[in-house]
């Protein structure tokens, strides 16, 4: 009898606990350039295997809100698509298409530089 009561309480309280937990979203900003100082507007930036994404504005800038930064980002444009894994503790990503280069930043400081293959 006690087992049934405890089981019933757990079943009833579980959804309440899940509802009360808010998911913290992190905003990651992107700057996409075709070549040095030449923004790449209209580039589409998505989280891999989802429909969550955005497009770069006229300055080649965009932002995404993510539950965590341990995700793979896919960038689509006229030509081959680019795919790269984000790293933790970043808030800004610079991508240069011509140089095949991604630079990750946290609070304005360079965290990591990565050459891409595509």
PDB file of N, CA and C in Angstrom:
ATOM      1  N   UNK A   1       0.827  -1.194   0.000  1.00  0.00           N
ATOM      2  CA  UNK A   1       0.000   0.000   0.000  1.00  0.00           C
ATOM      3  C   UNK A   1       0.875   1.263   0.000  1.00  0.00           C
ATOM      4  N   UNK A   2       1.921   1.263   0.846  1.00  0.00           N
ATOM      5  CA  UNK A   2       2.822   2.421   0.896  1.00  0.00           C
ATOM      6  C   UNK A   2       3.498   2.641  -0.455  1.00  0.00           C
ATOM      7  N   UNK A   3       3.865   1.540  -1.100  1.00  0.00           N
ATOM      8  CA  UNK A   3       4.530   1.631  -2.399  1.00  0.00           C
ATOM      9  C   UNK A   3       3.626   2.310  -3.425  1.00  0.00           C
ATOM     10  N   UNK A   4       2.344   1.957  -3.409  1.00  0.00           N
ATOM     11  CA  UNK A   4       1.401   2.556  -4.350  1.00  0.00           C
ATOM     12  C   UNK A   4       1.244   4.049  -4.094  1.00  0.00           C
ATOM     13  N   UNK A   5       1.189   4.439  -2.838  1.00  0.00           N
ATOM     14  CA  UNK A   5       1.032   5.854  -2.497  1.00  0.00           C
ATOM     15  C   UNK A   5       2.271   6.643  -2.909  1.00  0.00           C
ATOM     16  N   UNK A   6       3.445   6.093  -2.622  1.00  0.00           N
ATOM     17  CA  UNK A   6       4.693   6.763  -2.991  1.00  0.00           C
ATOM     18  C   UNK A   6       4.805   6.862  -4.510  1.00  0.00           C
ATOM     19  N   UNK A   7       4.462   5.796  -5.199  1.00  0.00           N
ATOM     20  CA  UNK A   7       4.502   5.806  -6.662  1.00  0.00           C
ATOM     21  C   UNK A   7       3.544   6.847  -7.224  1.00  0.00           C
ATOM     22  N   UNK A   8       2.339   6.934  -6.669  1.00  0.00           N
ATOM     23  CA  UNK A   8       1.364   7.909  -7.125  1.00  0.00           C
ATOM     24  C   UNK A   8       1.860   9.330  -6.889  1.00  0.00           C
ATOM     25  N   UNK A   9       2.467   9.593  -5.737  1.00  0.00           N
ATOM     26  CA  UNK A   9       3.005  10.921  -5.445  1.00  0.00           C
ATOM     27  C   UNK A   9       4.120  11.291  -6.423  1.00  0.00           C
ATOM     28  N   UNK A  10       5.004  10.341  -6.707  1.00  0.00           N
ATOM     29  CA  UNK A  10       6.090  10.606  -7.653  1.00  0.00           C
ATOM     30  C   UNK A  10       5.556  10.915  -9.047  1.00  0.00           C
ATOM     31  N   UNK A  11       4.552  10.160  -9.457  1.00  0.00           N
ATOM     32  CA  UNK A  11       3.962  10.381 -10.784  1.00  0.00           C
ATOM     33  C   UNK A  11       3.301  11.745 -10.844  1.00  0.00           C
ATOM     34  N   UNK A  12       2.626  12.140  -9.775  1.00  0.00           N
ATOM     35  CA  UNK A  12       1.947  13.431  -9.758  1.00  0.00           C
ATOM     36  C   UNK A  12       2.916  14.603  -9.660  1.00  0.00           C
ATOM     37  N   UNK A  13       4.010  14.449  -8.928  1.00  0.00           N
ATOM     38  CA  UNK A  13       4.959  15.543  -8.725  1.00  0.00           C
ATOM     39  C   UNK A  13       5.952  15.688  -9.859  1.00  0.00           C
ATOM     40  N   UNK A  14       6.222  14.634 -10.610  1.00  0.00           N
ATOM     41  CA  UNK A  14       7.208  14.692 -11.682  1.00  0.00           C
ATOM     42  C   UNK A  14       6.885  15.760 -12.728  1.00  0.00           C
ATOM     43  N   UNK A  15       5.643  15.806 -13.260  1.00  0.00           N
ATOM     44  CA  UNK A  15       5.347  16.854 -14.255  1.00  0.00           C
ATOM     45  C   UNK A  15       5.491  18.258 -13.679  1.00  0.00           C
ATOM     46  N   UNK A  16       5.122  18.462 -12.420  1.00  0.00           N
ATOM     47  CA  UNK A  16       5.256  19.772 -11.784  1.00  0.00           C
ATOM     48  C   UNK A  16       6.715  20.189 -11.730  1.00  0.00           C
ATOM     49  N   UNK A  17       7.584  19.274 -11.389  1.00  0.00           N
ATOM     50  CA  UNK A  17       9.014  19.567 -11.321  1.00  0.00           C
ATOM     51  C   UNK A  17       9.548  19.927 -12.708  1.00  0.00           C
ATOM     52  N   UNK A  18       9.109  19.209 -13.719  1.00  0.00           N
ATOM     53  CA  UNK A  18       9.576  19.480 -15.084  1.00  0.00           C
ATOM     54  C   UNK A  18       9.093  20.843 -15.568  1.00  0.00           C
ATOM     55  N   UNK A  19       7.873  21.227 -15.204  1.00  0.00           N
ATOM     56  CA  UNK A  19       7.337  22.519 -15.618  1.00  0.00           C
ATOM     57  C   UNK A  19       8.075  23.657 -14.923  1.00  0.00           C
ATOM     58  N   UNK A  20       8.437  23.465 -13.665  1.00  0.00           N
ATOM     59  CA  UNK A  20       9.077  24.522 -12.882  1.00  0.00           C
ATOM     60  C   UNK A  20      10.511  24.794 -13.320  1.00  0.00           C
ATOM     61  N   UNK A  21      11.145  23.846 -13.951  1.00  0.00           N
ATOM     62  CA  UNK A  21      12.529  24.034 -14.362  1.00  0.00           C
ATOM     63  C   UNK A  21      12.564  24.822 -15.663  1.00  0.00           C
ATOM     64  N   UNK A  22      13.070  26.023 -15.599  1.00  0.00           N
ATOM     65  CA  UNK A  22      13.202  26.832 -16.804  1.00  0.00           C
ATOM     66  C   UNK A  22      14.506  26.486 -17.497  1.00  0.00           C
ATOM     67  N   UNK A  23      14.457  26.450 -18.813  1.00  0.00           N
ATOM     68  CA  UNK A  23      15.664  26.187 -19.578  1.00  0.00           C
ATOM     69  C   UNK A  23      16.385  27.502 -19.803  1.00  0.00           C
ATOM     70  N   UNK A  24      17.643  27.534 -19.451  1.00  0.00           N
ATOM     71  CA  UNK A  24      18.441  28.729 -19.636  1.00  0.00           C
ATOM     72  C   UNK A  24      18.945  28.758 -21.077  1.00  0.00           C
ATOM     73  N   UNK A  25      18.646  29.829 -21.771  1.00  0.00           N
ATOM     74  CA  UNK A  25      19.086  29.979 -23.148  1.00  0.00           C
ATOM     75  C   UNK A  25      20.295  30.890 -23.213  1.00  0.00           C
ATOM     76  N   UNK A  26      21.234  30.512 -24.045  1.00  0.00           N
ATOM     77  CA  UNK A  26      22.426  31.326 -24.263  1.00  0.00           C
ATOM     78  C   UNK A  26      22.348  31.918 -25.667  1.00  0.00           C
ATOM     79  N   UNK A  27      22.636  33.189 -25.771  1.00  0.00           N
ATOM     80  CA  UNK A  27      22.628  33.846 -27.075  1.00  0.00           C
ATOM     81  C   UNK A  27      24.041  33.862 -27.643  1.00  0.00           C
ATOM     82  N   UNK A  28      24.184  33.299 -28.814  1.00  0.00           N
ATOM     83  CA  UNK A  28      25.458  33.292 -29.526  1.00  0.00           C
ATOM     84  C   UNK A  28      25.303  34.210 -30.728  1.00  0.00           C
ATOM     85  N   UNK A  29      26.202  35.173 -30.856  1.00  0.00           N
ATOM     86  CA  UNK A  29      26.188  36.087 -31.999  1.00  0.00           C
ATOM     87  C   UNK A  29      27.191  35.608 -33.033  1.00  0.00           C
ATOM     88  N   UNK A  30      26.860  35.825 -34.297  1.00  0.00           N
ATOM     89  CA  UNK A  30      27.707  35.410 -35.409  1.00  0.00           C
ATOM     90  C   UNK A  30      28.009  36.605 -36.299  1.00  0.00           C
ATOM     91  N   UNK A  31      29.201  36.599 -36.855  1.00  0.00           N
ATOM     92  CA  UNK A  31      29.593  37.555 -37.895  1.00  0.00           C
ATOM     93  C   UNK A  31      30.181  36.721 -39.019  1.00  0.00           C
ATOM     94  N   UNK A  32      29.552  36.789 -40.192  1.00  0.00           N
ATOM     95  CA  UNK A  32      30.006  36.000 -41.338  1.00  0.00           C
ATOM     96  C   UNK A  32      30.509  36.960 -42.404  1.00  0.00           C
ATOM     97  N   UNK A  33      31.736  36.703 -42.865  1.00  0.00           N
ATOM     98  CA  UNK A  33      32.331  37.511 -43.929  1.00  0.00           C
ATOM     99  C   UNK A  33      32.755  36.616 -45.080  1.00  0.00           C
ATOM    100  N   UNK A  34      32.603  37.144 -46.292  1.00  0.00           N
ATOM    101  CA  UNK A  34      33.076  36.451 -47.487  1.00  0.00           C
ATOM    102  C   UNK A  34      34.596  36.502 -47.535  1.00  0.00           C
ATOM    103  N   UNK A  35      35.112  37.681 -47.335  1.00  0.00           N
ATOM    104  CA  UNK A  35      36.548  37.925 -47.262  1.00  0.00           C
ATOM    105  C   UNK A  35      36.728  39.023 -46.216  1.00  0.00           C
ATOM    106  N   UNK A  36      37.950  39.418 -45.963  1.00  0.00           N
ATOM    107  CA  UNK A  36      38.198  40.397 -44.900  1.00  0.00           C
ATOM    108  C   UNK A  36      37.395  41.675 -45.114  1.00  0.00           C
ATOM    109  N   UNK A  37      36.652  42.046 -44.103  1.00  0.00           N
ATOM    110  CA  UNK A  37      35.835  43.266 -44.077  1.00  0.00           C
ATOM    111  C   UNK A  37      34.751  43.326 -45.150  1.00  0.00           C
ATOM    112  N   UNK A  38      34.363  42.176 -45.706  1.00  0.00           N
ATOM    113  CA  UNK A  38      33.276  42.136 -46.681  1.00  0.00           C
ATOM    114  C   UNK A  38      32.184  41.213 -46.129  1.00  0.00           C
ATOM    115  N   UNK A  39      31.143  41.803 -45.515  1.00  0.00           N
ATOM    116  CA  UNK A  39      30.085  40.992 -44.903  1.00  0.00           C
ATOM    117  C   UNK A  39      29.395  40.087 -45.919  1.00  0.00           C
ATOM    118  N   UNK A  40      28.836  39.001 -45.408  1.00  0.00           N
ATOM    119  CA  UNK A  40      28.143  38.035 -46.241  1.00  0.00           C
ATOM    120  C   UNK A  40      26.675  37.985 -45.800  1.00  0.00           C
ATOM    121  N   UNK A  41      25.825  38.893 -46.310  1.00  0.00           N
ATOM    122  CA  UNK A  41      24.420  38.906 -45.914  1.00  0.00           C
ATOM    123  C   UNK A  41      23.651  37.735 -46.509  1.00  0.00           C
ATOM    124  N   UNK A  42      22.564  37.355 -45.838  1.00  0.00           N
ATOM    125  CA  UNK A  42      21.691  36.307 -46.359  1.00  0.00           C
ATOM    126  C   UNK A  42      22.120  34.892 -46.064  1.00  0.00           C
ATOM    127  N   UNK A  43      23.269  34.717 -45.457  1.00  0.00           N
ATOM    128  CA  UNK A  43      23.727  33.375 -45.096  1.00  0.00           C
ATOM    129  C   UNK A  43      22.771  32.801 -44.053  1.00  0.00           C
ATOM    130  N   UNK A  44      22.401  31.541 -44.203  1.00  0.00           N
ATOM    131  CA  UNK A  44      21.502  30.877 -43.263  1.00  0.00           C
ATOM    132  C   UNK A  44      22.323  30.071 -42.251  1.00  0.00           C
ATOM    133  N   UNK A  45      22.029  30.264 -40.961  1.00  0.00           N
ATOM    134  CA  UNK A  45      22.763  29.603 -39.879  1.00  0.00           C
ATOM    135  C   UNK A  45      21.777  28.759 -39.087  1.00  0.00           C
ATOM    136  N   UNK A  46      22.032  27.447 -39.011  1.00  0.00           N
ATOM    137  CA  UNK A  46      21.133  26.517 -38.335  1.00  0.00           C
ATOM    138  C   UNK A  46      21.877  25.641 -37.342  1.00  0.00           C
ATOM    139  N   UNK A  47      21.116  25.139 -36.380  1.00  0.00           N
ATOM    140  CA  UNK A  47      21.614  24.072 -35.520  1.00  0.00           C
ATOM    141  C   UNK A  47      21.391  22.786 -36.299  1.00  0.00           C
ATOM    142  N   UNK A  48      22.407  21.974 -36.418  1.00  0.00           N
ATOM    143  CA  UNK A  48      22.335  20.751 -37.219  1.00  0.00           C
ATOM    144  C   UNK A  48      21.165  19.868 -36.784  1.00  0.00           C
ATOM    145  N   UNK A  49      20.482  19.307 -37.769  1.00  0.00           N
ATOM    146  CA  UNK A  49      19.366  18.375 -37.584  1.00  0.00           C
ATOM    147  C   UNK A  49      18.170  19.000 -36.862  1.00  0.00           C
ATOM    148  N   UNK A  50      18.016  20.323 -36.955  1.00  0.00           N
ATOM    149  CA  UNK A  50      16.843  20.996 -36.392  1.00  0.00           C
ATOM    150  C   UNK A  50      16.338  22.014 -37.394  1.00  0.00           C
ATOM    151  N   UNK A  51      15.233  22.633 -37.045  1.00  0.00           N
ATOM    152  CA  UNK A  51      14.713  23.737 -37.842  1.00  0.00           C
ATOM    153  C   UNK A  51      15.002  25.069 -37.150  1.00  0.00           C
ATOM    154  N   UNK A  52      15.862  25.042 -36.137  1.00  0.00           N
ATOM    155  CA  UNK A  52      16.213  26.248 -35.403  1.00  0.00           C
ATOM    156  C   UNK A  52      17.334  26.950 -36.155  1.00  0.00           C
ATOM    157  N   UNK A  53      17.052  28.153 -36.604  1.00  0.00           N
ATOM    158  CA  UNK A  53      18.064  28.864 -37.363  1.00  0.00           C
ATOM    159  C   UNK A  53      17.700  30.316 -37.579  1.00  0.00           C
ATOM    160  N   UNK A  54      18.562  30.998 -38.282  1.00  0.00           N
ATOM    161  CA  UNK A  54      18.381  32.415 -38.561  1.00  0.00           C
ATOM    162  C   UNK A  54      19.165  32.779 -39.814  1.00  0.00           C
ATOM    163  N   UNK A  55      18.930  33.969 -40.302  1.00  0.00           N
ATOM    164  CA  UNK A  55      19.671  34.467 -41.456  1.00  0.00           C
ATOM    165  C   UNK A  55      20.510  35.668 -41.069  1.00  0.00           C
ATOM    166  N   UNK A  56      21.643  35.815 -41.715  1.00  0.00           N
ATOM    167  CA  UNK A  56      22.518  36.961 -41.454  1.00  0.00           C
ATOM    168  C   UNK A  56      21.917  38.215 -42.093  1.00  0.00           C
ATOM    169  N   UNK A  57      22.033  39.328 -41.393  1.00  0.00           N
ATOM    170  CA  UNK A  57      21.519  40.597 -41.911  1.00  0.00           C
ATOM    171  C   UNK A  57      22.490  41.194 -42.932  1.00  0.00           C
ATOM    172  N   UNK A  58      22.248  42.414 -43.334  1.00  0.00           N
ATOM    173  CA  UNK A  58      23.058  43.074 -44.366  1.00  0.00           C
ATOM    174  C   UNK A  58      24.517  43.239 -43.953  1.00  0.00           C
ATOM    175  N   UNK A  59      24.781  43.246 -42.644  1.00  0.00           N
ATOM    176  CA  UNK A  59      26.148  43.359 -42.117  1.00  0.00           C
ATOM    177  C   UNK A  59      26.795  41.987 -41.905  1.00  0.00           C
ATOM    178  N   UNK A  60      26.078  40.917 -42.273  1.00  0.00           N
ATOM    179  CA  UNK A  60      26.603  39.564 -42.075  1.00  0.00           C
ATOM    180  C   UNK A  60      26.502  39.094 -40.630  1.00  0.00           C
ATOM    181  N   UNK A  61      25.638  39.756 -39.863  1.00  0.00           N
ATOM    182  CA  UNK A  61      25.505  39.427 -38.439  1.00  0.00           C
ATOM    183  C   UNK A  61      24.201  38.688 -38.171  1.00  0.00           C
ATOM    184  N   UNK A  62      24.256  37.790 -37.196  1.00  0.00           N
ATOM    185  CA  UNK A  62      23.083  37.010 -36.799  1.00  0.00           C
ATOM    186  C   UNK A  62      23.261  36.565 -35.360  1.00  0.00           C
ATOM    187  N   UNK A  63      22.190  36.073 -34.760  1.00  0.00           N
ATOM    188  CA  UNK A  63      22.297  35.507 -33.418  1.00  0.00           C
ATOM    189  C   UNK A  63      21.324  34.350 -33.268  1.00  0.00           C
ATOM    190  N   UNK A  64      21.701  33.416 -32.428  1.00  0.00           N
ATOM    191  CA  UNK A  64      20.876  32.247 -32.124  1.00  0.00           C
ATOM    192  C   UNK A  64      20.791  32.085 -30.615  1.00  0.00           C
ATOM    193  N   UNK A  65      19.629  31.671 -30.126  1.00  0.00           N
ATOM    194  CA  UNK A  65      19.484  31.328 -28.715  1.00  0.00           C
ATOM    195  C   UNK A  65      19.529  29.814 -28.603  1.00  0.00           C
ATOM    196  N   UNK A  66      20.468  29.324 -27.808  1.00  0.00           N
ATOM    197  CA  UNK A  66      20.685  27.889 -27.666  1.00  0.00           C
ATOM    198  C   UNK A  66      20.538  27.457 -26.210  1.00  0.00           C
ATOM    199  N   UNK A  67      20.079  26.222 -26.010  1.00  0.00           N
ATOM    200  CA  UNK A  67      20.027  25.669 -24.658  1.00  0.00           C
ATOM    201  C   UNK A  67      21.427  25.386 -24.150  1.00  0.00           C
ATOM    202  N   UNK A  68      22.297  24.970 -25.035  1.00  0.00           N
ATOM    203  CA  UNK A  68      23.712  24.779 -24.686  1.00  0.00           C
ATOM    204  C   UNK A  68      24.548  25.032 -25.922  1.00  0.00           C
ATOM    205  N   UNK A  69      25.803  25.346 -25.701  1.00  0.00           N
ATOM    206  CA  UNK A  69      26.662  25.687 -26.836  1.00  0.00           C
ATOM    207  C   UNK A  69      27.407  24.473 -27.389  1.00  0.00           C
ATOM    208  N   UNK A  70      27.103  23.310 -26.888  1.00  0.00           N
ATOM    209  CA  UNK A  70      27.757  22.095 -27.368  1.00  0.00           C
ATOM    210  C   UNK A  70      26.947  21.533 -28.544  1.00  0.00           C
ATOM    211  N   UNK A  71      26.830  22.326 -29.612  1.00  0.00           N
ATOM    212  CA  UNK A  71      26.015  21.949 -30.753  1.00  0.00           C
ATOM    213  C   UNK A  71      26.800  22.149 -32.043  1.00  0.00           C
ATOM    214  N   UNK A  72      26.345  21.489 -33.085  1.00  0.00           N
ATOM    215  CA  UNK A  72      26.960  21.666 -34.394  1.00  0.00           C
ATOM    216  C   UNK A  72      26.143  22.687 -35.182  1.00  0.00           C
ATOM    217  N   UNK A  73      26.841  23.642 -35.760  1.00  0.00           N
ATOM    218  CA  UNK A  73      26.218  24.701 -36.545  1.00  0.00           C
ATOM    219  C   UNK A  73      26.458  24.424 -38.028  1.00  0.00           C
ATOM    220  N   UNK A  74      25.431  24.655 -38.821  1.00  0.00           N
ATOM    221  CA  UNK A  74      25.539  24.495 -40.267  1.00  0.00           C
ATOM    222  C   UNK A  74      25.240  25.850 -40.901  1.00  0.00           C
ATOM    223  N   UNK A  75      26.118  26.280 -41.802  1.00  0.00           N
ATOM    224  CA  UNK A  75      25.962  27.555 -42.494  1.00  0.00           C
ATOM    225  C   UNK A  75      25.740  27.253 -43.979  1.00  0.00           C
ATOM    226  N   UNK A  76      24.584  27.732 -44.501  1.00  0.00           N
ATOM    227  CA  UNK A  76      24.245  27.534 -45.909  1.00  0.00           C
ATOM    228  C   UNK A  76      24.388  28.849 -46.666  1.00  0.00           C
ATOM    229  N   UNK A  77      24.929  28.761 -47.855  1.00  0.00           N
ATOM    230  CA  UNK A  77      25.031  29.906 -48.752  1.00  0.00           C
ATOM    231  C   UNK A  77      25.174  29.368 -50.157  1.00  0.00           C
ATOM    232  N   UNK A  78      25.322  30.221 -51.117  1.00  0.00           N
ATOM    233  CA  UNK A  78      25.514  29.778 -52.498  1.00  0.00           C
ATOM    234  C   UNK A  78      26.875  29.100 -52.596  1.00  0.00           C
ATOM    235  N   UNK A  79      26.872  27.810 -52.637  1.00  0.00           N
ATOM    236  CA  UNK A  79      28.108  27.040 -52.647  1.00  0.00           C
ATOM    237  C   UNK A  79      27.985  25.919 -51.636  1.00  0.00           C
ATOM    238  N   UNK A  80      29.081  25.314 -51.267  1.00  0.00           N
ATOM    239  CA  UNK A  80      29.004  24.220 -50.300  1.00  0.00           C
ATOM    240  C   UNK A  80      28.596  24.744 -48.924  1.00  0.00           C
ATOM    241  N   UNK A  81      27.949  23.889 -48.152  1.00  0.00           N
ATOM    242  CA  UNK A  81      27.604  24.317 -46.798  1.00  0.00           C
ATOM    243  C   UNK A  81      28.791  24.099 -45.872  1.00  0.00           C
ATOM    244  N   UNK A  82      28.794  24.819 -44.770  1.00  0.00           N
ATOM    245  CA  UNK A  82      29.867  24.733 -43.779  1.00  0.00           C
ATOM    246  C   UNK A  82      29.278  24.174 -42.497  1.00  0.00           C
ATOM    247  N   UNK A  83      29.985  23.276 -41.876  1.00  0.00           N
ATOM    248  CA  UNK A  83      29.529  22.688 -40.621  1.00  0.00           C
ATOM    249  C   UNK A  83      30.673  22.733 -39.617  1.00  0.00           C
ATOM    250  N   UNK A  84      30.388  23.173 -38.392  1.00  0.00           N
ATOM    251  CA  UNK A  84      31.414  23.196 -37.354  1.00  0.00           C
ATOM    252  C   UNK A  84      30.762  23.080 -35.985  1.00  0.00           C
ATOM    253  N   UNK A  85      31.502  22.555 -35.057  1.00  0.00           N
ATOM    254  CA  UNK A  85      31.014  22.334 -33.698  1.00  0.00           C
ATOM    255  C   UNK A  85      31.350  23.550 -32.844  1.00  0.00           C
ATOM    256  N   UNK A  86      30.343  24.053 -32.145  1.00  0.00           N
ATOM    257  CA  UNK A  86      30.587  25.153 -31.215  1.00  0.00           C
ATOM    258  C   UNK A  86      31.347  24.625 -30.005  1.00  0.00           C
ATOM    259  N   UNK A  87      32.023  25.499 -29.309  1.00  0.00           N
ATOM    260  CA  UNK A  87      32.697  25.116 -28.072  1.00  0.00           C
ATOM    261  C   UNK A  87      31.982  25.800 -26.914  1.00  0.00           C
ATOM    262  N   UNK A  88      32.146  25.274 -25.719  1.00  0.00           N
ATOM    263  CA  UNK A  88      31.492  25.833 -24.538  1.00  0.00           C
ATOM    264  C   UNK A  88      32.079  27.184 -24.158  1.00  0.00           C
ATOM    265  N   UNK A  89      31.284  27.942 -23.437  1.00  0.00           N
ATOM    266  CA  UNK A  89      31.693  29.225 -22.870  1.00  0.00           C
ATOM    267  C   UNK A  89      32.106  30.251 -23.919  1.00  0.00           C
ATOM    268  N   UNK A  90      31.287  30.394 -24.943  1.00  0.00           N
ATOM    269  CA  UNK A  90      31.523  31.428 -25.947  1.00  0.00           C
ATOM    270  C   UNK A  90      30.261  32.269 -26.091  1.00  0.00           C
ATOM    271  N   UNK A  91      30.418  33.464 -26.647  1.00  0.00           N
ATOM    272  CA  UNK A  91      29.247  34.282 -26.916  1.00  0.00           C
ATOM    273  C   UNK A  91      29.276  34.920 -28.306  1.00  0.00           C
ATOM    274  N   UNK A  92      30.384  34.713 -29.046  1.00  0.00           N
ATOM    275  CA  UNK A  92      30.514  35.300 -30.370  1.00  0.00           C
ATOM    276  C   UNK A  92      31.336  34.375 -31.268  1.00  0.00           C
ATOM    277  N   UNK A  93      30.887  34.239 -32.521  1.00  0.00           N
ATOM    278  CA  UNK A  93      31.597  33.407 -33.502  1.00  0.00           C
ATOM    279  C   UNK A  93      31.827  34.245 -34.757  1.00  0.00           C
ATOM    280  N   UNK A  94      33.093  34.331 -35.179  1.00  0.00           N
ATOM    281  CA  UNK A  94      33.456  35.011 -36.422  1.00  0.00           C
ATOM    282  C   UNK A  94      33.780  33.933 -37.449  1.00  0.00           C
ATOM    283  N   UNK A  95      33.185  34.046 -38.645  1.00  0.00           N
ATOM    284  CA  UNK A  95      33.410  33.067 -39.705  1.00  0.00           C
ATOM    285  C   UNK A  95      33.820  33.800 -40.973  1.00  0.00           C
ATOM    286  N   UNK A  96      34.992  33.435 -41.523  1.00  0.00           N
ATOM    287  CA  UNK A  96      35.473  33.994 -42.776  1.00  0.00           C
ATOM    288  C   UNK A  96      35.450  32.875 -43.812  1.00  0.00           C
ATOM    289  N   UNK A  97      34.568  33.013 -44.806  1.00  0.00           N
ATOM    290  CA  UNK A  97      34.377  31.970 -45.821  1.00  0.00           C
ATOM    291  C   UNK A  97      35.632  31.791 -46.670  1.00  0.00           C
ATOM    292  N   UNK A  98      36.222  32.882 -47.138  1.00  0.00           N
ATOM    293  CA  UNK A  98      37.386  32.823 -48.012  1.00  0.00           C
ATOM    294  C   UNK A  98      38.565  32.106 -47.334  1.00  0.00           C
ATOM    295  N   UNK A  99      38.820  32.451 -46.084  1.00  0.00           N
ATOM    296  CA  UNK A  99      39.946  31.855 -45.357  1.00  0.00           C
ATOM    297  C   UNK A  99      39.601  30.522 -44.697  1.00  0.00           C
ATOM    298  N   UNK A 100      38.322  30.125 -44.772  1.00  0.00           N
ATOM    299  CA  UNK A 100      37.861  28.886 -44.129  1.00  0.00           C
ATOM    300  C   UNK A 100      38.258  28.895 -42.653  1.00  0.00           C
ATOM    301  N   UNK A 101      37.884  29.962 -41.979  1.00  0.00           N
ATOM    302  CA  UNK A 101      38.341  30.215 -40.624  1.00  0.00           C
ATOM    303  C   UNK A 101      37.169  30.533 -39.695  1.00  0.00           C
ATOM    304  N   UNK A 102      37.195  29.921 -38.515  1.00  0.00           N
ATOM    305  CA  UNK A 102      36.242  30.229 -37.454  1.00  0.00           C
ATOM    306  C   UNK A 102      37.043  30.663 -36.237  1.00  0.00           C
ATOM    307  N   UNK A 103      36.622  31.783 -35.634  1.00  0.00           N
ATOM    308  CA  UNK A 103      37.257  32.246 -34.402  1.00  0.00           C
ATOM    309  C   UNK A 103      36.159  32.390 -33.351  1.00  0.00           C
ATOM    310  N   UNK A 104      36.377  31.789 -32.186  1.00  0.00           N
ATOM    311  CA  UNK A 104      35.420  31.829 -31.085  1.00  0.00           C
ATOM    312  C   UNK A 104      35.862  32.866 -30.058  1.00  0.00           C
ATOM    313  N   UNK A 105      34.886  33.616 -29.520  1.00  0.00           N
ATOM    314  CA  UNK A 105      35.180  34.667 -28.540  1.00  0.00           C
ATOM    315  C   UNK A 105      34.300  34.507 -27.301  1.00  0.00           C
ATOM    316  N   UNK A 106      34.819  34.954 -26.184  1.00  0.00           N
ATOM    317  CA  UNK A 106      34.058  35.069 -24.939  1.00  0.00           C
ATOM    318  C   UNK A 106      34.372  36.432 -24.344  1.00  0.00           C
ATOM    319  N   UNK A 107      33.347  37.250 -24.184  1.00  0.00           N
ATOM    320  CA  UNK A 107      33.490  38.604 -23.631  1.00  0.00           C
ATOM    321  C   UNK A 107      34.569  39.404 -24.357  1.00  0.00           C
ATOM    322  N   UNK A 108      34.591  39.302 -25.673  1.00  0.00           N
ATOM    323  CA  UNK A 108      35.513  40.088 -26.483  1.00  0.00           C
ATOM    324  C   UNK A 108      36.921  39.525 -26.600  1.00  0.00           C
ATOM    325  N   UNK A 109      37.212  38.423 -25.927  1.00  0.00           N
ATOM    326  CA  UNK A 109      38.550  37.826 -25.995  1.00  0.00           C
ATOM    327  C   UNK A 109      38.517  36.554 -26.829  1.00  0.00           C
ATOM    328  N   UNK A 110      39.519  36.429 -27.700  1.00  0.00           N
ATOM    329  CA  UNK A 110      39.626  35.246 -28.549  1.00  0.00           C
ATOM    330  C   UNK A 110      39.882  34.012 -27.688  1.00  0.00           C
ATOM    331  N   UNK A 111      39.065  32.985 -27.897  1.00  0.00           N
ATOM    332  CA  UNK A 111      39.179  31.748 -27.136  1.00  0.00           C
ATOM    333  C   UNK A 111      39.852  30.655 -27.963  1.00  0.00           C
ATOM    334  N   UNK A 112      39.438  30.558 -29.235  1.00  0.00           N
ATOM    335  CA  UNK A 112      39.973  29.498 -30.094  1.00  0.00           C
ATOM    336  C   UNK A 112      39.860  29.922 -31.550  1.00  0.00           C
ATOM    337  N   UNK A 113      40.840  29.485 -32.341  1.00  0.00           N
ATOM    338  CA  UNK A 113      40.866  29.726 -33.784  1.00  0.00           C
ATOM    339  C   UNK A 113      40.898  28.356 -34.447  1.00  0.00           C
ATOM    340  N   UNK A 114      40.063  28.167 -35.487  1.00  0.00           N
ATOM    341  CA  UNK A 114      39.950  26.849 -36.112  1.00  0.00           C
ATOM    342  C   UNK A 114      39.837  26.991 -37.615  1.00  0.00           C
ATOM    343  N   UNK A 115      40.662  26.245 -38.356  1.00  0.00           N
ATOM    344  CA  UNK A 115      40.563  26.176 -39.809  1.00  0.00           C
ATOM    345  C   UNK A 115      39.526  25.108 -40.153  1.00  0.00           C
ATOM    346  N   UNK A 116      38.683  25.404 -41.120  1.00  0.00           N
ATOM    347  CA  UNK A 116      37.641  24.472 -41.538  1.00  0.00           C
ATOM    348  C   UNK A 116      38.006  23.795 -42.847  1.00  0.00           C
ATOM    349  N   UNK A 117      37.454  22.609 -43.031  1.00  0.00           N
ATOM    350  CA  UNK A 117      37.617  21.890 -44.296  1.00  0.00           C
ATOM    351  C   UNK A 117      36.232  21.778 -44.923  1.00  0.00           C
ATOM    352  N   UNK A 118      36.100  22.333 -46.115  1.00  0.00           N
ATOM    353  CA  UNK A 118      34.842  22.210 -46.862  1.00  0.00           C
ATOM    354  C   UNK A 118      35.094  22.370 -48.332  1.00  0.00           C
TER     355      UNK A 118
END
